């Protein structure tokens, strides 16, 4: 089933995007900053992947689930979408954690006894 992995990645990206926009965690909070962070993160991981491929550490795995479209030697199209999912998920979780920590801090400050 060629392309099944890509479909799964796209479904994952859509799910993370819906959560992000619903709760304004990453792209929903600041789209321009989020786009820059996402592009820099994906570019960094693509450099990492390319170095790993050239060193013989990384290689293309099972070809039965991927489209066969190559961005470079041993670098399938699906890797780009995996990296987008990885970075977007990480930043969405970071946004959620930051919000939860800010709420916990606010709650702690509001219940703390005041020195008079």
Protein backbone atom coordinates (compact mmCIF):
# COMPACT_ATOMS: atom_id res chain seq x y z
CA UNK A 1 0.00 0.00 0.00
CA UNK A 2 2.23 2.76 -1.32
CA UNK A 3 1.64 6.09 0.39
CA UNK A 4 0.09 4.68 3.55
CA UNK A 5 2.84 6.14 5.73
CA UNK A 6 2.42 9.57 4.12
CA UNK A 7 -1.33 9.43 4.75
CA UNK A 8 -0.68 8.60 8.40
CA UNK A 9 1.74 11.50 8.71
CA UNK A 10 -0.74 13.91 7.12
CA UNK A 11 -3.49 12.74 9.49
CA UNK A 12 -1.12 13.30 12.42
CA UNK A 13 -0.17 16.77 11.19
CA UNK A 14 -3.85 17.64 10.77
CA UNK A 15 -4.64 16.44 14.29
CA UNK A 16 -1.81 18.41 15.89
CA UNK A 17 -2.79 21.48 13.86
CA UNK A 18 -6.42 21.27 14.99
CA UNK A 19 -5.38 21.04 18.66
CA UNK A 20 -2.87 23.84 18.20
CA UNK A 21 -5.33 26.21 16.57
CA UNK A 22 -8.15 25.31 18.97
CA UNK A 23 -6.10 26.14 22.05
CA UNK A 24 -3.79 28.74 20.42
CA UNK A 25 -0.61 26.94 21.46
CA UNK A 26 1.88 27.40 18.60
CA UNK A 27 0.60 28.57 15.20
CA UNK A 28 -2.58 29.76 16.88
CA UNK A 29 -0.61 31.96 19.29
CA UNK A 30 1.83 33.61 16.86
CA UNK A 31 1.75 32.32 13.26
CA UNK A 32 4.84 34.17 12.00
CA UNK A 33 7.07 33.11 14.90
CA UNK A 34 5.72 29.56 14.65
CA UNK A 35 6.46 29.38 10.93
CA UNK A 36 10.04 30.56 11.49
CA UNK A 37 10.58 28.06 14.33
CA UNK A 38 9.09 25.23 12.26
CA UNK A 39 11.19 26.00 9.17
CA UNK A 40 14.40 26.34 11.20
CA UNK A 41 13.67 23.11 13.09
CA UNK A 42 12.86 21.10 9.97
CA UNK A 43 15.90 22.53 8.14
CA UNK A 44 18.14 21.59 11.06
CA UNK A 45 16.83 18.04 11.10
CA UNK A 46 17.22 17.76 7.31
CA UNK A 47 20.88 18.76 7.67
CA UNK A 48 21.21 16.15 10.43
CA UNK A 49 19.54 13.51 8.24
CA UNK A 50 21.73 14.35 5.25
CA UNK A 51 24.87 14.05 7.36
CA UNK A 52 23.66 10.74 8.77
CA UNK A 53 22.91 9.42 5.28
CA UNK A 54 26.35 10.41 4.00
CA UNK A 55 27.99 8.75 7.01
CA UNK A 56 26.01 5.56 6.40
CA UNK A 57 24.12 5.84 9.70
CA UNK A 58 20.66 6.52 8.24
CA UNK A 59 19.13 4.66 5.33
CA UNK A 60 15.76 4.20 3.73
CA UNK A 61 13.73 1.46 5.36
CA UNK A 62 10.73 -0.53 4.20
CA UNK A 63 9.67 0.69 0.76
CA UNK A 64 6.27 -1.00 0.73
CA UNK A 65 4.56 1.80 2.69
CA UNK A 66 6.14 4.87 1.11
CA UNK A 67 5.43 6.67 -2.17
CA UNK A 68 8.89 6.19 -3.64
CA UNK A 69 9.38 9.93 -4.20
CA UNK A 70 12.94 10.82 -3.19
CA UNK A 71 14.13 14.25 -2.05
CA UNK A 72 17.71 12.98 -2.23
CA UNK A 73 19.60 9.72 -1.98
CA UNK A 74 18.05 7.64 0.82
CA UNK A 75 15.79 10.61 1.73
CA UNK A 76 12.14 9.83 0.97
CA UNK A 77 9.43 12.49 0.77
CA UNK A 78 7.87 11.05 3.91
CA UNK A 79 10.91 12.10 5.95
CA UNK A 80 10.07 15.77 5.32
CA UNK A 81 6.52 15.26 6.60
CA UNK A 82 7.77 13.25 9.56
CA UNK A 83 10.05 16.13 10.52
CA UNK A 84 7.19 18.61 10.16
CA UNK A 85 5.07 16.42 12.45
CA UNK A 86 7.93 16.04 14.93
CA UNK A 87 8.63 19.77 15.16
CA UNK A 88 4.99 20.85 15.19
CA UNK A 89 4.13 18.31 17.89
CA UNK A 90 7.09 19.36 20.01
CA UNK A 91 6.24 23.04 19.81
CA UNK A 92 2.53 22.41 20.46
CA UNK A 93 3.38 20.37 23.56
CA UNK A 94 5.83 23.10 24.62
CA UNK A 95 3.07 25.71 24.23
CA UNK A 96 0.67 23.59 26.28
CA UNK A 97 3.27 22.99 29.00
CA UNK A 98 4.13 26.69 29.18
CA UNK A 99 0.46 27.55 29.56
CA UNK A 100 -0.09 24.93 32.27
CA UNK A 101 2.98 26.09 34.19
CA UNK A 102 1.85 29.71 33.95
CA UNK A 103 -1.58 28.74 35.32
CA UNK A 104 -0.01 26.76 38.15
CA UNK A 105 2.23 29.70 39.01
CA UNK A 106 -0.72 32.08 38.97
CA UNK A 107 -2.73 29.74 41.19
CA UNK A 108 0.16 29.40 43.62
CA UNK A 109 0.58 33.17 43.82
CA UNK A 110 -3.12 33.77 44.40
CA UNK A 111 -3.31 31.28 47.27
CA UNK A 112 -0.01 32.16 48.93
CA UNK A 113 -0.31 34.16 52.14
CA UNK A 114 0.73 37.78 51.77
CA UNK A 115 3.32 39.33 54.01
CA UNK A 116 2.04 42.51 55.57
